[in-house]
Amino acid sequence: MTNPYKIMLLLAACGIIASNSVTAAAADIEMISVKGGCFQMGDTFGDGLLHEQPAHEVCLSDFKIGKFEITQAQWLAVMGTNPSAWVGDDKPVDNVSWNDIQAYILKLNSQSGKNYRLPTEAEWEYAARSGGKKEKWSGTNTQDKLVDYANYEPNSASMPAAVGTKKPNGLGIYDMSGNLREWVLDYYSDSWYKSSDKKNPQGPKTGTEKVQRGGSWSQSAVANRATNRDSSPPNDRDDRNGFRLVLQ
């Protein structure tokens, strides 16, 4: 069977990307419906960093989040180029900045008629923890089992893996610990948890960096915890960074 993304690659090489390829890319993004609820966001185990504290109650509405990180094929279908350092159609797109992702979302939404966005930090953590459960990593509380759920430093062969290679968490979502750190919607603040809104928080109104969650292929178990927080300037590109989407 002909691979439609191979055709898109040839079209991209010729500078031709049709709007129907964007629509196809949107249709190809598998979503998981997440029932909203209240949970204790942040460090509930007592061994996290200061910016993961205090644990605080957050209540979320229902939402839909990507089953997988956005792949290079899905990026190529919309943008016509592949910026990734670790090339592979089924691998998550890497080396994209927060600003690059906004351009992708704008084009994807415009051509597909859908309304995608990055998840908020609270939505991301709730989904990663299988619906707000007390999980240290996405899918497990046991470090010895983490290799089954996460592509990270001890088992990654020093590169990201194809999406969905490891086990999913309790909601059926893959790679929320490990593989690539994932950009989210929120600005970063190390003190945000002290003043966070309770209902559907979207982070500070301003800032200089955007939040990344989930850890990566190059990081340890500690960095891949479901409550761990990273951040970078929104124009930063790194081969450990990718993303997944929420559909409104």
Foldseek 3Di string as FASTA:
>chain_A
DDDVLVVLLVCLVVVHADLVLLQVLVVPFDKFKAAWAKAFFFDPPPPADLLRDDGDIATEHIWIWTLWFAFQSSQCNQPSDQPAPDDDRQAHRAQAFLVNVVVSQVRSCVSNVFHKFFAALVVLLCVQCLRRDPDFARAHNDPVCVVQAEQAAPHPPPAADGIPPHAHHNRSHHHLAERAWAWGQEADDSCCRVPFDRYRTRYDPDHQKTKTGQYYNYDDSSRRTSSHIDIDGRRGGDNRYGHIIITD
